[in-house]
């Protein structure tokens, strides 16, 4: 299994502890036998895996998004799944931003002012990332969807005051937007992926 953008390696170490053979890549990967300090673009063209997992990394790829999705599809030639966990800053609408700001005010009123960004700062910080309405079609053009869902995302910025369950309930009622999304797909067999 390949983890793209492993960061500090928490997921990779958990997968390895569960018995999976893991290669975890990230330019800032920690030391250890399962980690490699490389970008996806630097992965060998002939590298093959049973599964590829990526959390919060593909929205940063910009112009290298499509070649890197091709690289993942080639790495899964045997038919393993691509598991993508992402978020779309483009999904932050007025109601969702207002809810988030309200939760920040609750933190402040409880004597725990947040050092996390405001909704406006968060949106500005993510203005140059690949939006979900570009990333998801690029993924779906290469991978046959087996599962997808929208998921709460902003709760992790709120120091536990707003749980994932609360955000999920508001999303399910249509009161706020789900910024997060998950996708699981298998490489399409009718698409040819040229080496980069």
Protein backbone atom coordinates (compact mmCIF):
# COMPACT_ATOMS: atom_id res chain seq x y z
CA UNK A 1 0.00 0.00 0.00
CA UNK A 2 1.18 3.51 -0.81
CA UNK A 3 0.31 6.56 1.27
CA UNK A 4 0.83 9.82 -0.64
CA UNK A 5 1.57 12.83 1.55
CA UNK A 6 2.01 10.94 4.82
CA UNK A 7 3.02 13.98 6.88
CA UNK A 8 4.17 12.82 10.31
CA UNK A 9 3.24 9.24 9.46
CA UNK A 10 0.40 8.56 11.91
CA UNK A 11 -1.82 6.74 9.39
CA UNK A 12 1.09 4.85 7.81
CA UNK A 13 2.29 3.62 11.20
CA UNK A 14 -1.24 2.52 12.16
CA UNK A 15 -1.62 0.63 8.87
CA UNK A 16 1.79 -1.02 9.30
CA UNK A 17 0.89 -1.99 12.89
CA UNK A 18 -2.27 -3.62 11.51
CA UNK A 19 -0.18 -5.85 9.27
CA UNK A 20 -0.20 -3.94 5.98
CA UNK A 21 2.96 -3.56 3.94
CA UNK A 22 3.20 0.24 3.64
CA UNK A 23 5.31 2.70 1.71
CA UNK A 24 4.64 6.25 2.87
CA UNK A 25 5.96 9.21 0.88
CA UNK A 26 6.23 12.88 1.74
CA UNK A 27 9.08 15.40 1.36
CA UNK A 28 8.84 15.84 5.17
CA UNK A 29 8.32 12.15 6.05
CA UNK A 30 9.74 10.99 9.38
CA UNK A 31 12.62 8.55 9.69
CA UNK A 32 11.80 4.87 9.48
CA UNK A 33 11.85 1.89 7.15
CA UNK A 34 8.37 2.50 5.68
CA UNK A 35 9.01 6.19 4.92
CA UNK A 36 10.57 7.87 1.90
CA UNK A 37 11.23 11.61 1.62
CA UNK A 38 10.05 12.07 -1.96
CA UNK A 39 7.17 13.65 -3.85
CA UNK A 40 4.76 11.53 -5.87
CA UNK A 41 6.44 12.85 -9.03
CA UNK A 42 9.68 11.22 -7.86
CA UNK A 43 8.18 7.78 -7.37
CA UNK A 44 9.57 5.22 -9.80
CA UNK A 45 7.40 4.73 -12.90
CA UNK A 46 7.38 0.96 -12.40
CA UNK A 47 6.26 1.12 -8.74
CA UNK A 48 3.08 -0.93 -8.21
CA UNK A 49 0.81 -1.13 -5.17
CA UNK A 50 -2.33 -2.96 -4.05
CA UNK A 51 -3.89 0.32 -2.83
CA UNK A 52 -3.11 4.04 -2.72
CA UNK A 53 -4.31 6.33 0.07
CA UNK A 54 -4.10 10.13 0.06
CA UNK A 55 -5.39 12.52 2.69
CA UNK A 56 -5.48 16.26 2.07
CA UNK A 57 -2.69 16.35 -0.48
CA UNK A 58 -4.11 16.38 -4.01
CA UNK A 59 -5.70 19.82 -3.67
CA UNK A 60 -2.13 21.20 -3.43
CA UNK A 61 -0.92 19.71 -6.72
CA UNK A 62 -1.97 22.46 -9.11
CA UNK A 63 -0.62 21.81 -12.60
CA UNK A 64 0.78 18.43 -11.57
CA UNK A 65 -2.68 17.17 -10.52
CA UNK A 66 -3.52 15.25 -13.71
CA UNK A 67 -0.06 13.71 -14.26
CA UNK A 68 -0.03 12.62 -10.62
CA UNK A 69 -3.49 11.06 -10.90
CA UNK A 70 -2.19 9.20 -13.96
CA UNK A 71 0.80 8.06 -11.88
CA UNK A 72 -1.56 6.70 -9.18
CA UNK A 73 -3.66 4.89 -11.80
CA UNK A 74 -0.51 3.26 -13.26
CA UNK A 75 0.65 2.26 -9.78
CA UNK A 76 -2.68 0.44 -9.39
CA UNK A 77 -2.54 -1.47 -12.69
CA UNK A 78 -3.47 -4.68 -10.87
CA UNK A 79 -6.79 -3.11 -9.95
CA UNK A 80 -6.41 -1.96 -6.35
CA UNK A 81 -8.40 0.95 -4.88
CA UNK A 82 -7.52 4.63 -4.71
CA UNK A 83 -8.78 6.08 -1.42
CA UNK A 84 -8.97 9.86 -1.40
CA UNK A 85 -9.85 12.00 1.63
CA UNK A 86 -9.98 15.69 0.72
CA UNK A 87 -11.66 19.01 1.31
CA UNK A 88 -12.89 21.76 -0.97
CA UNK A 89 -12.37 25.35 0.16
CA UNK A 90 -14.67 26.31 -2.72
CA UNK A 91 -17.53 24.71 -0.75
CA UNK A 92 -17.36 27.31 2.03
CA UNK A 93 -20.61 29.23 1.60
CA UNK A 94 -22.04 32.12 3.63
CA UNK A 95 -24.08 29.95 6.02
CA UNK A 96 -21.18 27.59 6.72
CA UNK A 97 -18.80 30.49 7.33
CA UNK A 98 -21.33 32.07 9.73
CA UNK A 99 -21.70 28.79 11.67
CA UNK A 100 -17.91 28.45 11.92
CA UNK A 101 -17.56 32.03 13.18
CA UNK A 102 -20.31 31.39 15.73
CA UNK A 103 -18.39 28.39 17.06
CA UNK A 104 -15.26 30.55 17.36
CA UNK A 105 -17.29 33.07 19.40
CA UNK A 106 -18.45 30.25 21.70
CA UNK A 107 -14.80 29.33 22.27
CA UNK A 108 -13.97 32.93 23.15
CA UNK A 109 -16.98 33.22 25.48
CA UNK A 110 -15.85 30.03 27.23
CA UNK A 111 -12.46 31.60 27.88
CA UNK A 112 -10.76 29.61 25.14
CA UNK A 113 -10.22 32.06 22.31
CA UNK A 114 -9.16 30.20 19.20
CA UNK A 115 -5.85 30.82 17.52
CA UNK A 116 -7.31 29.12 14.45
CA UNK A 117 -8.05 31.23 11.39
CA UNK A 118 -11.32 33.04 10.88
CA UNK A 119 -13.51 31.85 8.02
CA UNK A 120 -12.22 34.70 5.88
CA UNK A 121 -8.58 33.94 6.72
CA UNK A 122 -9.16 30.23 6.06
CA UNK A 123 -10.72 30.96 2.67
CA UNK A 124 -7.88 33.36 1.76
CA UNK A 125 -5.25 30.81 2.81
CA UNK A 126 -6.80 28.24 0.47
CA UNK A 127 -7.56 30.54 -2.46
CA UNK A 128 -4.89 29.01 -4.72
CA UNK A 129 -5.65 25.32 -4.12
CA UNK A 130 -7.45 23.08 -6.60
CA UNK A 131 -11.21 23.34 -5.97
CA UNK A 132 -13.32 20.24 -5.51
CA UNK A 133 -15.24 20.93 -8.73
CA UNK A 134 -11.95 20.49 -10.62
CA UNK A 135 -10.32 17.77 -8.52
CA UNK A 136 -13.26 15.36 -8.37
CA UNK A 137 -13.94 15.32 -12.14
CA UNK A 138 -10.22 14.70 -12.75
CA UNK A 139 -10.33 11.78 -10.31
CA UNK A 140 -13.56 10.37 -11.79
CA UNK A 141 -12.11 10.50 -15.31
CA UNK A 142 -9.46 7.98 -14.22
CA UNK A 143 -11.15 5.96 -11.48
CA UNK A 144 -14.46 4.11 -11.45
CA UNK A 145 -16.31 5.29 -8.37
CA UNK A 146 -17.09 2.61 -5.80
CA UNK A 147 -17.94 4.94 -2.92
CA UNK A 148 -18.09 8.65 -2.23
CA UNK A 149 -19.47 10.84 0.51
CA UNK A 150 -19.39 14.40 1.71
CA UNK A 151 -18.11 14.73 5.26
CA UNK A 152 -17.80 17.45 7.92
CA UNK A 153 -14.45 19.17 7.97
CA UNK A 154 -14.42 22.39 9.99
CA UNK A 155 -14.86 20.75 13.41
CA UNK A 156 -11.14 19.99 13.53
CA UNK A 157 -10.43 23.75 13.67
CA UNK A 158 -12.70 24.25 16.66
CA UNK A 159 -10.85 22.58 19.53
CA UNK A 160 -13.59 20.10 20.29
CA UNK A 161 -16.41 22.61 20.86
CA UNK A 162 -18.09 21.63 17.62
CA UNK A 163 -17.88 17.89 17.21
CA UNK A 164 -17.88 16.08 13.93
CA UNK A 165 -21.30 14.71 14.89
CA UNK A 166 -22.77 18.21 15.36
CA UNK A 167 -21.36 19.37 12.06
CA UNK A 168 -22.59 16.18 10.37
CA UNK A 169 -26.11 16.73 11.70
CA UNK A 170 -26.15 20.32 10.39
CA UNK A 171 -24.84 19.13 7.02
CA UNK A 172 -27.48 16.40 6.82
CA UNK A 173 -30.22 18.97 7.55
CA UNK A 174 -28.87 21.20 4.77
CA UNK A 175 -28.08 24.00 7.23
CA UNK A 176 -24.38 24.14 6.31
CA UNK A 177 -22.17 22.71 3.57
CA UNK A 178 -19.85 19.71 3.90
CA UNK A 179 -16.37 20.89 3.01
CA UNK A 180 -14.83 17.44 3.24
CA UNK A 181 -15.31 14.56 0.83
CA UNK A 182 -14.12 11.00 0.44
CA UNK A 183 -13.81 8.96 -2.73
CA UNK A 184 -12.89 5.33 -3.33
CA UNK A 185 -12.39 4.16 -6.88
CA UNK A 186 -10.73 1.57 -9.06
CA UNK A 187 -8.58 2.49 -12.08
CA UNK A 188 -10.61 2.54 -15.28
CA UNK A 189 -9.48 -0.15 -17.66
CA UNK A 190 -10.50 1.76 -20.79
CA UNK A 191 -8.10 4.66 -20.15
CA UNK A 192 -4.40 4.60 -21.08
CA UNK A 193 -1.96 6.35 -18.76
CA UNK A 194 1.31 7.36 -20.33
CA UNK A 195 4.48 7.56 -18.20
CA UNK A 196 5.29 11.13 -17.24
